[in-house]
Amino acid sequence: MAPECLQAQDTEAPFSSARIAERIDREIAAGYAKNAIESAPLCSDEEFVRRVYLDLAGRIPCVAERNSFLNDPSPTKRLDCIDRLLASEDYVQNFADTFDSILMGRGPRGKVAERKNLWRPYLENVFRKNRPWNEVAREILLARPESPDQSGAVWYLFERQDDAQAIAEAVAPAFFGIRIDCVQCHDHMNASEILQQHYWGLVAFFNRSKNQKTDAGPRISESAIGGFSEFANIHGTSSPNILTFFAAKTVEETRPEKDAKQEDNEELYLPPLTPNEPRVPKFSRREKFVDEILSGHPMFAKAFVNRVWAMLLGRGIVHPYDQMDSMHDPSHPELLDGLATDFMESGHDIKNLVRGIVASRPYQIDSTRLPGVDNPAWFARSIERALTAEQLARSIQIALHQTAQNDHPLMPDLRERMPDVLPEMIVTDVGDALFLTNNPKMHQVILEASQNDGLVARLASNADPKGSVDELFVAILGRHPDSTEFEAILEFTQGSSSVESPEHSISRWQSAVWAVLTSAEFRFNH
């Protein structure tokens, strides 16, 4: 059965993000002029439609979607396509996939399965309703749901099983774009602004929190006492773990006298508002964190903007995107500042930001490597990006004329083989090739495409073998074959005998489909 083509949901007027696109075009063009370089030309419609479907819908377009776009005479068809994809359920699933990995890490299959109950529906709702990112961050880190549709936010802390250090090491890059793993024992060796006290201060904000199972579901309780300790540096000097964090003020808290015993009594807690919810301390460290550290933090908007930029253009304005420190200067500082301001003024509107970036010229140029233009930080060409496991699994299904399913049996295997999302460096090795060659589920999906209206069956039954070769390339790579490719596939699939059994014909087309499907061109967005 042919794949169902994307259906846009009802949506309001197009997102007003022209200012973002104009800012990007202006600042990036200024960089070209400063470095005396030229950029690659705009990509073709054929390249654009594949790229934007992968980035927004998380899959390649089906042939009908591709052809509909290419045949559209409208001068605004690229913006129309962007808006249609942003209004689709495919966008919701794709961004939920990506942010699940960014915020939680891949994790073993069991953990990923557990997230489907609460965390995954919460993330999907974030992108389906286009929730403001600052509100989402607050719900995740405060972890006190005020309605059933916020319950899944608790899972971000709950999955980390009361490990305040693991929580701190996850929160810093995810919400502020910095890594603090290396300052547990000493101040940062190179980025001197990141201090050991920032690590232990962030730990302190969460070290009174504890997982609690209630009738309402998983919750994060918080004690009103405890959590006072000292940390030592490599020289043996000890310091108190006060409530502080990088580029933020210190939250004042009364510390008990050394060895003084604290009593955990009801006077330290607010009256319960809901019977099934954990009690809330009058002085809540988590609440102080979201109110006085997270809210208005100078890195919060920049970190999100830089991450989304990296997702869509192959690297951050600060690269790596989660190391926004003095050792990693932004390639275009005015652009980063301006985009962060635009993001805040829009009400932390995620779709508005995404639309502005995708509508910009730097996003839409091709991947041609011009002589002397070698620095990827100039964004003078489209940077090749490896597909995520989810993008690859869905694209394989679409290419083979199947309906893309998020729970396809191939998906967990690809997640384990390709754990990284937004890797600092793209590395492909022989293991990837062996996986795609030997994985039984990969074989099975090609066998399924040999039946009914699957791609292999269609190619083998076509009375015009030349048409089949062309269809093969259009369905999988979104383009027509060049003369060398055309002749090679035609010769291989037709064999040496003029009369060949249907089984042999199917087998040859299976091999041809497998070869193109596992090619580097298919596995990259470019």
Protein backbone atom coordinates (compact mmCIF):
# COMPACT_ATOMS: atom_id res chain seq x y z
CA MET A 1 0.00 0.00 0.00
CA ALA A 2 1.37 3.44 -0.87
CA PRO A 3 2.38 5.63 2.10
CA GLU A 4 -0.14 8.11 3.34
CA CYS A 5 0.99 11.56 2.29
CA LEU A 6 1.32 14.23 4.93
CA GLN A 7 -1.92 15.90 5.96
CA ALA A 8 -1.60 19.34 7.58
CA GLN A 9 -3.66 19.99 10.68
CA ASP A 10 -5.81 23.09 10.92
CA THR A 11 -3.58 26.02 11.73
CA GLU A 12 -3.81 29.76 12.26
CA ALA A 13 -2.13 32.39 10.10
CA PRO A 14 1.48 31.67 9.12
CA PHE A 15 4.02 32.28 11.83
CA SER A 16 5.37 35.84 11.75
CA SER A 17 9.09 35.01 11.68
CA ALA A 18 10.25 37.17 8.77
CA ARG A 19 12.36 39.27 11.15
CA ILE A 20 14.31 36.18 12.19
CA ALA A 21 15.01 35.15 8.59
CA GLU A 22 16.02 38.71 7.68
CA ARG A 23 18.37 38.92 10.66
CA ILE A 24 20.00 35.62 9.72
CA ASP A 25 20.46 36.64 6.08
CA ARG A 26 21.96 40.00 7.08
CA GLU A 27 24.39 38.74 9.72
CA ILE A 28 25.58 35.71 7.76
CA ALA A 29 26.07 37.87 4.64
CA ALA A 30 28.15 40.28 6.74
CA GLY A 31 30.33 37.32 7.66
CA TYR A 32 30.84 36.48 4.01
CA ALA A 33 31.91 40.05 3.30
CA LYS A 34 34.24 40.16 6.30
CA ASN A 35 36.00 36.98 5.18
CA ALA A 36 35.91 37.94 1.48
CA ILE A 37 34.09 34.78 0.43
CA GLU A 38 31.07 33.82 -1.60
CA SER A 39 28.42 31.36 -0.53
CA ALA A 40 27.06 28.42 -2.45
CA PRO A 41 23.98 29.16 -4.56
CA LEU A 42 20.47 28.36 -3.44
CA CYS A 43 19.73 24.65 -3.57
CA SER A 44 17.37 23.25 -6.16
CA ASP A 45 13.75 22.53 -5.34
CA GLU A 46 14.62 18.83 -5.54
CA GLU A 47 17.25 19.26 -2.82
CA PHE A 48 15.13 21.59 -0.72
CA VAL A 49 12.09 19.35 -0.46
CA ARG A 50 14.17 16.39 0.72
CA ARG A 51 16.09 18.53 3.21
CA VAL A 52 13.10 20.27 4.75
CA TYR A 53 11.08 17.06 5.06
CA LEU A 54 13.95 15.39 6.91
CA ASP A 55 14.45 18.37 9.22
CA LEU A 56 10.81 19.11 10.00
CA ALA A 57 8.90 15.89 9.32
CA GLY A 58 11.73 13.55 10.27
CA ARG A 59 11.55 11.59 7.02
CA ILE A 60 12.02 11.93 3.29
CA PRO A 61 8.95 12.96 1.27
CA CYS A 62 7.00 10.26 -0.50
CA VAL A 63 7.06 10.45 -4.29
CA ALA A 64 3.64 12.11 -4.42
CA GLU A 65 4.70 14.80 -1.95
CA ARG A 66 7.93 15.41 -3.84
CA ASN A 67 6.20 15.68 -7.19
CA SER A 68 3.46 17.91 -5.82
CA PHE A 69 6.08 20.35 -4.51
CA LEU A 70 8.17 20.29 -7.69
CA ASN A 71 5.11 20.91 -9.87
CA ASP A 72 3.79 23.77 -7.74
CA PRO A 73 4.23 27.03 -9.71
CA SER A 74 3.68 29.28 -6.68
CA PRO A 75 6.59 31.65 -5.87
CA THR A 76 5.89 31.07 -2.15
CA LYS A 77 5.88 27.27 -2.35
CA ARG A 78 8.93 26.89 -0.06
CA LEU A 79 7.30 28.91 2.72
CA ASP A 80 4.01 27.12 2.10
CA CYS A 81 5.79 23.78 2.45
CA ILE A 82 7.46 24.90 5.68
CA ASP A 83 4.14 25.98 7.18
CA ARG A 84 2.43 22.75 6.11
CA LEU A 85 5.14 20.64 7.73
CA LEU A 86 5.16 22.70 10.94
CA ALA A 87 1.41 22.10 11.21
CA SER A 88 1.77 18.34 10.76
CA GLU A 89 1.84 15.47 13.20
CA ASP A 90 5.12 14.38 11.58
CA TYR A 91 6.76 17.54 12.95
CA VAL A 92 5.45 16.69 16.42
CA GLN A 93 6.90 13.18 16.34
CA ASN A 94 10.22 14.27 14.85
CA PHE A 95 10.90 17.03 17.38
CA ALA A 96 9.70 14.82 20.24
CA ASP A 97 12.22 12.18 19.10
CA THR A 98 15.05 14.69 18.94
CA PHE A 99 14.36 16.38 22.27
CA ASP A 100 13.83 13.07 24.02
CA SER A 101 17.38 12.15 23.05
CA ILE A 102 18.81 15.61 23.81
CA LEU A 103 17.18 15.91 27.22
CA MET A 104 17.22 12.29 28.38
CA GLY A 105 19.90 10.52 26.37
CA ARG A 106 19.23 7.34 24.46
CA GLY A 107 19.24 4.91 27.34
CA PRO A 108 18.59 1.15 27.12
CA ARG A 109 15.43 -0.16 25.50
CA GLY A 110 13.71 -0.60 28.86
CA LYS A 111 14.08 3.07 29.74
CA VAL A 112 12.88 4.20 26.35
CA ALA A 113 9.82 1.96 26.75
CA GLU A 114 9.07 3.46 30.19
CA ARG A 115 9.10 6.97 28.74
CA LYS A 116 6.17 6.13 26.46
CA ASN A 117 3.73 6.24 29.38
CA LEU A 118 4.24 9.82 30.60
CA TRP A 119 7.32 11.56 29.23
CA ARG A 120 6.73 10.90 25.55
CA PRO A 121 3.08 12.11 25.54
CA TYR A 122 4.20 15.22 27.44
CA LEU A 123 6.90 16.00 24.85
CA GLU A 124 4.50 15.43 21.97
CA ASN A 125 2.03 17.82 23.58
CA VAL A 126 4.77 20.45 23.90
CA PHE A 127 5.35 20.48 20.15
CA ARG A 128 1.75 19.83 19.14
CA LYS A 129 0.54 22.87 21.08
CA ASN A 130 3.74 24.85 20.51
CA ARG A 131 4.20 25.42 24.24
CA PRO A 132 6.57 28.28 25.20
CA TRP A 133 10.00 26.85 25.98
CA ASN A 134 10.40 28.82 29.22
CA GLU A 135 7.14 27.35 30.57
CA VAL A 136 8.21 23.85 29.53
CA ALA A 137 11.60 24.21 31.24
CA ARG A 138 9.92 25.40 34.42
CA GLU A 139 7.50 22.45 34.46
CA ILE A 140 10.31 19.97 33.87
CA LEU A 141 12.64 21.29 36.58
CA LEU A 142 10.04 22.20 39.20
CA ALA A 143 8.28 18.87 38.64
CA ARG A 144 5.02 19.82 40.37
CA PRO A 145 2.31 19.19 37.78
CA GLU A 146 -0.73 21.43 38.07
CA SER A 147 -2.81 19.42 35.60
CA PRO A 148 -2.82 15.88 34.18
CA ASP A 149 -1.18 16.98 30.90
CA GLN A 150 1.83 18.24 32.89
CA SER A 151 2.38 14.93 34.73
CA GLY A 152 4.90 13.67 32.20
CA ALA A 153 7.27 16.57 32.95
CA VAL A 154 8.12 14.83 36.24
CA TRP A 155 9.91 12.05 34.36
CA TYR A 156 12.95 14.21 33.56
CA LEU A 157 13.98 14.14 37.23
CA PHE A 158 12.29 10.85 38.13
CA GLU A 159 14.29 8.75 35.64
CA ARG A 160 17.55 9.95 37.24
CA GLN A 161 16.63 8.12 40.45
CA ASP A 162 17.46 10.74 43.13
CA ASP A 163 20.99 11.22 41.77
CA ALA A 164 21.45 14.98 42.25
CA GLN A 165 24.84 14.95 40.51
CA ALA A 166 23.41 13.22 37.44
CA ILE A 167 20.59 15.78 37.44
CA ALA A 168 23.02 18.72 37.65
CA GLU A 169 25.22 17.32 34.88
CA ALA A 170 22.13 16.97 32.65
CA VAL A 171 20.51 20.32 33.47
CA ALA A 172 23.57 22.50 32.73
CA PRO A 173 23.99 21.58 29.02
CA ALA A 174 20.28 21.01 28.32
CA PHE A 175 19.03 24.36 29.58
CA PHE A 176 22.10 26.60 29.75
CA GLY A 177 24.39 25.25 27.02
CA ILE A 178 27.41 24.60 29.25
CA ARG A 179 29.08 21.45 30.53
CA ILE A 180 30.01 21.26 34.20
CA ASP A 181 31.07 17.59 34.38
CA CYS A 182 34.75 18.53 34.58
CA VAL A 183 34.43 21.00 37.49
CA GLN A 184 33.39 18.47 40.11
CA CYS A 185 36.89 18.45 41.62
CA HIS A 186 38.31 21.84 40.56
CA ASP A 187 37.49 25.03 38.68
CA HIS A 188 37.47 24.68 34.89
CA MET A 189 41.04 24.36 33.64
CA ASN A 190 40.43 26.45 30.50
CA ALA A 191 37.09 28.25 30.82
CA SER A 192 37.95 30.07 34.04
CA GLU A 193 34.45 31.48 34.47
CA ILE A 194 33.01 28.02 35.24
CA LEU A 195 33.78 27.23 38.86
CA GLN A 196 33.63 24.18 41.08
CA GLN A 197 31.08 25.96 43.26
CA HIS A 198 28.75 26.14 40.23
CA TYR A 199 28.74 22.34 40.05
CA TRP A 200 28.03 21.78 43.71
CA GLY A 201 25.64 24.72 43.87
CA LEU A 202 23.55 23.19 41.09
CA VAL A 203 23.67 19.83 42.87
CA ALA A 204 22.42 21.52 46.05
CA PHE A 205 19.30 22.85 44.32
CA PHE A 206 18.21 19.24 43.69
CA ASN A 207 19.74 17.22 46.54
CA ARG A 208 16.64 17.51 48.75
CA SER A 209 14.47 16.00 46.02
CA LYS A 210 13.36 12.39 46.09
CA ASN A 211 11.28 10.13 43.87
CA GLN A 212 7.88 9.28 45.26
CA LYS A 213 5.19 7.03 43.84
CA THR A 214 1.70 8.33 44.54
CA ASP A 215 -1.86 7.47 43.54
CA ALA A 216 -1.56 10.30 41.01
CA GLY A 217 1.58 8.77 39.47
CA PRO A 218 5.34 9.38 39.81
CA ARG A 219 6.17 12.55 41.70
CA ILE A 220 9.26 14.35 43.07
CA SER A 221 8.98 15.20 46.74
CA GLU A 222 11.26 17.68 48.47
CA SER A 223 12.50 17.86 52.03
CA ALA A 224 12.63 21.13 53.95
CA ILE A 225 15.84 20.17 55.72
CA GLY A 226 19.23 18.63 54.97
CA GLY A 227 21.39 18.93 51.91
CA PHE A 228 24.08 20.96 53.64
CA SER A 229 27.61 19.76 53.04
CA GLU A 230 31.03 20.88 51.92
CA PHE A 231 33.07 20.02 48.85
CA ALA A 232 36.85 19.84 48.61
CA ASN A 233 39.04 20.85 45.70
CA ILE A 234 42.17 19.03 44.53
CA HIS A 235 44.24 21.04 47.02
CA GLY A 236 42.16 19.85 49.97
CA THR A 237 40.43 23.17 50.63
CA SER A 238 36.78 22.79 51.63
CA SER A 239 33.88 25.11 50.80
CA PRO A 240 30.13 25.01 51.57
CA ASN A 241 27.74 23.96 48.81
CA ILE A 242 25.76 27.20 48.69
CA LEU A 243 22.84 27.68 46.30
CA THR A 244 24.58 29.26 43.33
CA PHE A 245 25.12 28.69 39.64
CA PHE A 246 27.06 30.03 36.68
CA ALA A 247 26.17 33.62 35.63
CA ALA A 248 23.49 33.85 38.32
CA LYS A 249 23.13 35.27 41.79
CA THR A 250 23.47 33.27 44.97
CA VAL A 251 20.19 32.31 46.61
CA GLU A 252 20.35 33.14 50.30
CA GLU A 253 19.59 30.29 52.67
CA THR A 254 20.06 30.03 56.42
CA ARG A 255 22.58 27.32 57.18
CA PRO A 256 22.37 25.51 60.54
CA GLU A 257 25.26 25.54 62.92
CA LYS A 258 27.75 22.75 62.35
CA ASP A 259 26.55 19.47 63.91
CA ALA A 260 23.20 21.10 64.79
CA LYS A 261 20.30 18.68 64.49
CA GLN A 262 17.42 19.76 62.24
CA GLU A 263 13.85 18.74 62.95
CA ASP A 264 11.64 17.94 59.96
CA ASN A 265 8.25 19.16 61.23
CA GLU A 266 5.03 20.23 59.54
CA GLU A 267 5.65 23.90 60.28
CA LEU A 268 8.28 23.87 57.53
CA TYR A 269 5.74 22.90 54.85
CA LEU A 270 2.85 24.58 53.09
CA PRO A 271 -0.67 23.25 53.67
CA PRO A 272 -1.42 20.53 51.06
CA LEU A 273 -3.53 21.66 48.13
CA THR A 274 -4.17 18.18 46.70
CA PRO A 275 -4.35 14.95 48.75
CA ASN A 276 -2.22 12.82 46.40
CA GLU A 277 0.59 15.31 45.84
CA PRO A 278 3.81 15.44 47.94
CA ARG A 279 4.01 18.22 50.50
CA VAL A 280 5.90 21.35 49.50
CA PRO A 281 8.45 23.05 51.78
CA LYS A 282 7.99 26.76 52.50
CA PHE A 283 11.59 27.23 51.38
CA SER A 284 11.84 25.07 48.28
CA ARG A 285 15.24 24.84 46.65
CA ARG A 286 13.78 23.65 43.35
CA GLU A 287 11.31 26.50 43.32
CA LYS A 288 14.07 29.00 44.07
CA PHE A 289 16.03 27.54 41.18
CA VAL A 290 13.30 27.99 38.58
CA ASP A 291 12.25 31.40 39.93
CA GLU A 292 15.64 32.99 40.57
CA ILE A 293 18.14 31.09 38.42
CA LEU A 294 16.30 29.69 35.40
CA SER A 295 13.99 32.66 34.88
CA GLY A 296 15.85 35.40 33.06
CA HIS A 297 19.18 33.57 32.98
CA PRO A 298 21.39 35.11 30.26
CA MET A 299 22.24 31.71 28.77
CA PHE A 300 18.76 30.18 28.71
CA ALA A 301 17.44 31.61 25.42
CA LYS A 302 20.88 31.51 23.77
CA ALA A 303 21.29 27.82 24.60
CA PHE A 304 17.97 26.90 23.01
CA VAL A 305 18.55 29.04 19.92
CA ASN A 306 22.04 27.60 19.46
CA ARG A 307 20.76 24.04 19.77
CA VAL A 308 17.96 24.50 17.24
CA TRP A 309 20.41 26.22 14.88
CA ALA A 310 22.73 23.21 15.19
CA MET A 311 19.84 20.83 14.49
CA LEU A 312 18.94 22.65 11.27
CA LEU A 313 22.32 23.84 9.96
CA GLY A 314 24.69 21.10 11.07
CA ARG A 315 26.62 22.98 13.78
CA GLY A 316 25.90 25.65 16.34
CA ILE A 317 26.76 29.33 16.16
CA VAL A 318 28.76 28.18 19.16
CA HIS A 319 30.26 24.78 18.41
CA PRO A 320 29.90 22.34 20.10
CA TYR A 321 26.38 23.51 20.89
CA ASP A 322 26.56 22.44 24.55
CA GLN A 323 29.89 24.12 25.34
CA MET A 324 28.98 27.81 25.27
CA ASP A 325 31.94 28.99 27.30
CA SER A 326 34.93 31.29 26.86
CA MET A 327 36.85 28.53 25.08
CA HIS A 328 34.27 28.38 22.30
CA ASP A 329 33.48 31.77 20.82
CA PRO A 330 30.36 32.23 18.70
CA SER A 331 31.08 32.49 14.98
CA HIS A 332 28.45 35.26 14.71
CA PRO A 333 27.97 36.80 18.19
CA GLU A 334 25.57 39.54 17.07
CA LEU A 335 23.41 36.93 15.35
CA LEU A 336 23.26 34.74 18.44
CA ASP A 337 22.37 37.69 20.66
CA GLY A 338 19.75 38.90 18.20
CA LEU A 339 18.12 35.51 17.76
CA ALA A 340 17.99 35.03 21.53
CA THR A 341 16.28 38.43 21.87
CA ASP A 342 13.82 37.57 19.09
CA PHE A 343 13.10 34.23 20.78
CA MET A 344 12.36 35.89 24.13
CA GLU A 345 10.24 38.65 22.56
CA SER A 346 8.20 36.04 20.70
CA GLY A 347 7.26 34.46 24.03
CA HIS A 348 9.81 31.65 23.59
CA ASP A 349 7.88 30.49 20.52
CA ILE A 350 9.58 27.35 19.20
CA LYS A 351 7.83 27.19 15.82
CA ASN A 352 8.48 30.86 15.19
CA LEU A 353 12.21 30.26 15.67
CA VAL A 354 12.26 27.11 13.53
CA ARG A 355 10.32 28.76 10.71
CA GLY A 356 12.64 31.78 10.70
CA ILE A 357 15.75 29.62 10.45
CA VAL A 358 14.36 27.32 7.75
CA ALA A 359 13.08 30.29 5.73
CA SER A 360 16.53 31.91 5.73
CA ARG A 361 18.97 31.83 2.83
CA PRO A 362 21.81 30.05 4.73
CA TYR A 363 19.47 27.12 5.37
CA GLN A 364 18.47 26.95 1.70
CA ILE A 365 21.87 27.05 -0.01
CA ASP A 366 23.30 23.87 -1.49
CA SER A 367 26.24 21.82 -0.26
CA THR A 368 28.68 22.79 -3.01
CA ARG A 369 32.23 23.19 -1.66
CA LEU A 370 33.57 26.37 -3.26
CA PRO A 371 37.37 26.76 -3.59
CA GLY A 372 38.89 28.46 -0.56
CA VAL A 373 35.67 28.31 1.46
CA ASP A 374 36.61 25.62 3.94
CA ASN A 375 35.50 26.87 7.36
CA PRO A 376 32.07 25.40 8.20
CA ALA A 377 31.55 28.18 10.76
CA TRP A 378 30.96 30.60 7.88
CA PHE A 379 27.78 28.71 6.90
CA ALA A 380 28.65 29.32 3.26
CA ARG A 381 27.29 25.93 2.20
CA SER A 382 24.88 23.36 3.53
CA ILE A 383 26.65 21.08 6.01
CA GLU A 384 25.99 17.37 5.59
CA ARG A 385 24.25 15.83 8.58
CA ALA A 386 23.84 12.15 9.41
CA LEU A 387 20.22 11.11 9.79
CA THR A 388 19.14 10.22 13.30
CA ALA A 389 18.01 6.66 13.92
CA GLU A 390 14.38 7.76 13.83
CA GLN A 391 14.78 9.74 10.62
CA LEU A 392 16.53 6.81 8.97
CA ALA A 393 13.93 4.24 10.06
CA ARG A 394 11.00 6.36 8.89
CA SER A 395 12.73 7.25 5.61
CA ILE A 396 13.45 3.60 4.85
CA GLN A 397 9.75 2.83 5.21
CA ILE A 398 8.70 5.78 3.04
CA ALA A 399 11.26 4.91 0.35
CA LEU A 400 9.93 1.35 0.19
CA HIS A 401 6.33 2.59 -0.23
CA GLN A 402 5.30 1.72 3.31
CA THR A 403 3.51 3.83 5.91
CA ALA A 404 6.06 5.21 8.36
CA GLN A 405 5.56 3.76 11.85
CA ASN A 406 7.37 4.98 14.95
CA ASP A 407 7.14 1.55 16.52
CA HIS A 408 8.62 -0.29 13.51
CA PRO A 409 10.80 -3.26 14.65
CA LEU A 410 13.83 -1.70 12.94
CA MET A 411 13.68 1.43 15.14
CA PRO A 412 15.18 0.03 18.41
CA ASP A 413 18.06 -1.62 16.53
CA LEU A 414 18.90 1.63 14.75
CA ARG A 415 18.76 3.57 18.03
CA GLU A 416 21.32 1.25 19.56
CA ARG A 417 23.56 1.38 16.50
CA MET A 418 23.27 5.18 16.12
CA PRO A 419 23.04 6.60 19.67
CA ASP A 420 24.14 10.17 18.98
CA VAL A 421 21.90 13.07 18.03
CA LEU A 422 23.80 16.23 17.03
CA PRO A 423 27.24 14.57 17.31
CA GLU A 424 30.24 16.89 17.55
CA MET A 425 31.89 14.91 14.76
CA ILE A 426 30.29 12.57 12.22
CA VAL A 427 32.06 9.22 12.13
CA THR A 428 30.88 6.31 9.99
CA ASP A 429 32.72 3.03 10.15
CA VAL A 430 32.63 -0.50 8.86
CA GLY A 431 30.29 -1.40 11.71
CA ASP A 432 27.55 0.74 10.18
CA ALA A 433 27.93 -1.03 6.85
CA LEU A 434 27.93 -4.47 8.49
CA PHE A 435 24.83 -3.57 10.48
CA LEU A 436 22.89 -2.55 7.39
CA THR A 437 24.17 -5.65 5.56
CA ASN A 438 23.46 -8.25 8.25
CA ASN A 439 20.63 -6.94 10.40
CA PRO A 440 17.71 -9.37 9.97
CA LYS A 441 15.13 -6.62 10.41
CA MET A 442 16.72 -4.68 7.57
CA HIS A 443 16.41 -7.79 5.42
CA GLN A 444 12.79 -8.22 6.49
CA VAL A 445 11.77 -4.69 5.52
CA ILE A 446 13.17 -5.24 2.00
CA LEU A 447 11.36 -8.60 1.76
CA GLU A 448 8.12 -6.83 2.71
CA ALA A 449 8.76 -4.31 -0.07
CA SER A 450 8.81 -7.26 -2.49
CA GLN A 451 5.11 -7.85 -1.94
CA ASN A 452 1.92 -6.11 -3.05
CA ASP A 453 2.65 -2.46 -3.93
CA GLY A 454 6.07 -2.34 -2.25
CA LEU A 455 8.91 -0.64 -4.11
CA VAL A 456 10.74 -3.85 -5.04
CA ALA A 457 7.55 -5.46 -6.38
CA ARG A 458 6.76 -2.37 -8.43
CA LEU A 459 10.23 -2.19 -9.96
CA ALA A 460 10.37 -5.88 -10.82
CA SER A 461 6.90 -5.93 -12.41
CA ASN A 462 7.41 -2.82 -14.54
CA ALA A 463 7.56 -3.70 -18.24
CA ASP A 464 9.87 -0.71 -18.76
CA PRO A 465 13.19 -1.48 -16.96
CA LYS A 466 14.53 1.98 -17.74
CA GLY A 467 11.53 3.48 -16.00
CA SER A 468 12.19 1.21 -13.01
CA VAL A 469 15.75 2.49 -12.66
CA ASP A 470 14.48 6.06 -12.65
CA GLU A 471 11.75 5.21 -10.14
CA LEU A 472 14.32 3.53 -7.88
CA PHE A 473 16.40 6.71 -7.59
CA VAL A 474 13.45 9.07 -7.25
CA ALA A 475 11.81 6.98 -4.52
CA ILE A 476 14.96 6.55 -2.41
CA LEU A 477 17.24 9.51 -3.16
CA GLY A 478 14.69 12.01 -4.42
CA ARG A 479 16.55 12.58 -7.67
CA HIS A 480 17.07 11.05 -11.10
CA PRO A 481 20.16 8.86 -11.71
CA ASP A 482 23.12 10.12 -13.67
CA SER A 483 24.20 8.21 -16.77
CA THR A 484 26.78 6.05 -14.97
CA GLU A 485 24.34 5.06 -12.22
CA PHE A 486 21.61 4.42 -14.77
CA GLU A 487 23.70 2.06 -16.88
CA ALA A 488 25.13 0.21 -13.86
CA ILE A 489 21.72 -0.50 -12.29
CA LEU A 490 20.13 -1.35 -15.61
CA GLU A 491 22.87 -3.84 -16.47
CA PHE A 492 22.77 -5.45 -13.03
CA THR A 493 18.99 -5.82 -12.79
CA GLN A 494 18.51 -7.18 -16.30
CA GLY A 495 21.09 -9.96 -15.95
CA SER A 496 22.83 -11.84 -18.73
CA SER A 497 19.85 -13.88 -19.85
CA SER A 498 17.01 -12.52 -21.94
CA VAL A 499 14.59 -14.84 -20.13
CA GLU A 500 14.74 -14.85 -16.35
CA SER A 501 12.39 -16.23 -13.73
CA PRO A 502 10.34 -13.77 -11.64
CA GLU A 503 12.23 -14.96 -8.54
CA HIS A 504 15.59 -13.98 -10.04
CA SER A 505 14.20 -10.63 -11.15
CA ILE A 506 12.89 -9.91 -7.65
CA SER A 507 16.24 -10.91 -6.16
CA ARG A 508 18.17 -8.55 -8.42
CA TRP A 509 15.87 -5.64 -7.64
CA GLN A 510 16.12 -6.41 -3.91
CA SER A 511 19.90 -6.09 -4.18
CA ALA A 512 19.64 -2.88 -6.19
CA VAL A 513 17.23 -1.37 -3.67
CA TRP A 514 19.46 -2.43 -0.78
CA ALA A 515 22.54 -0.88 -2.43
CA VAL A 516 20.91 2.51 -2.94
CA LEU A 517 19.09 2.41 0.39
CA THR A 518 22.32 1.82 2.36
CA SER A 519 24.36 4.39 0.45
CA ALA A 520 25.92 7.36 2.21
CA GLU A 521 23.78 9.68 0.11
CA PHE A 522 20.59 8.22 1.57
CA ARG A 523 21.91 8.22 5.16
CA PHE A 524 22.78 11.93 5.12
CA ASN A 525 20.82 15.15 4.89
CA HIS A 526 22.61 17.56 2.59
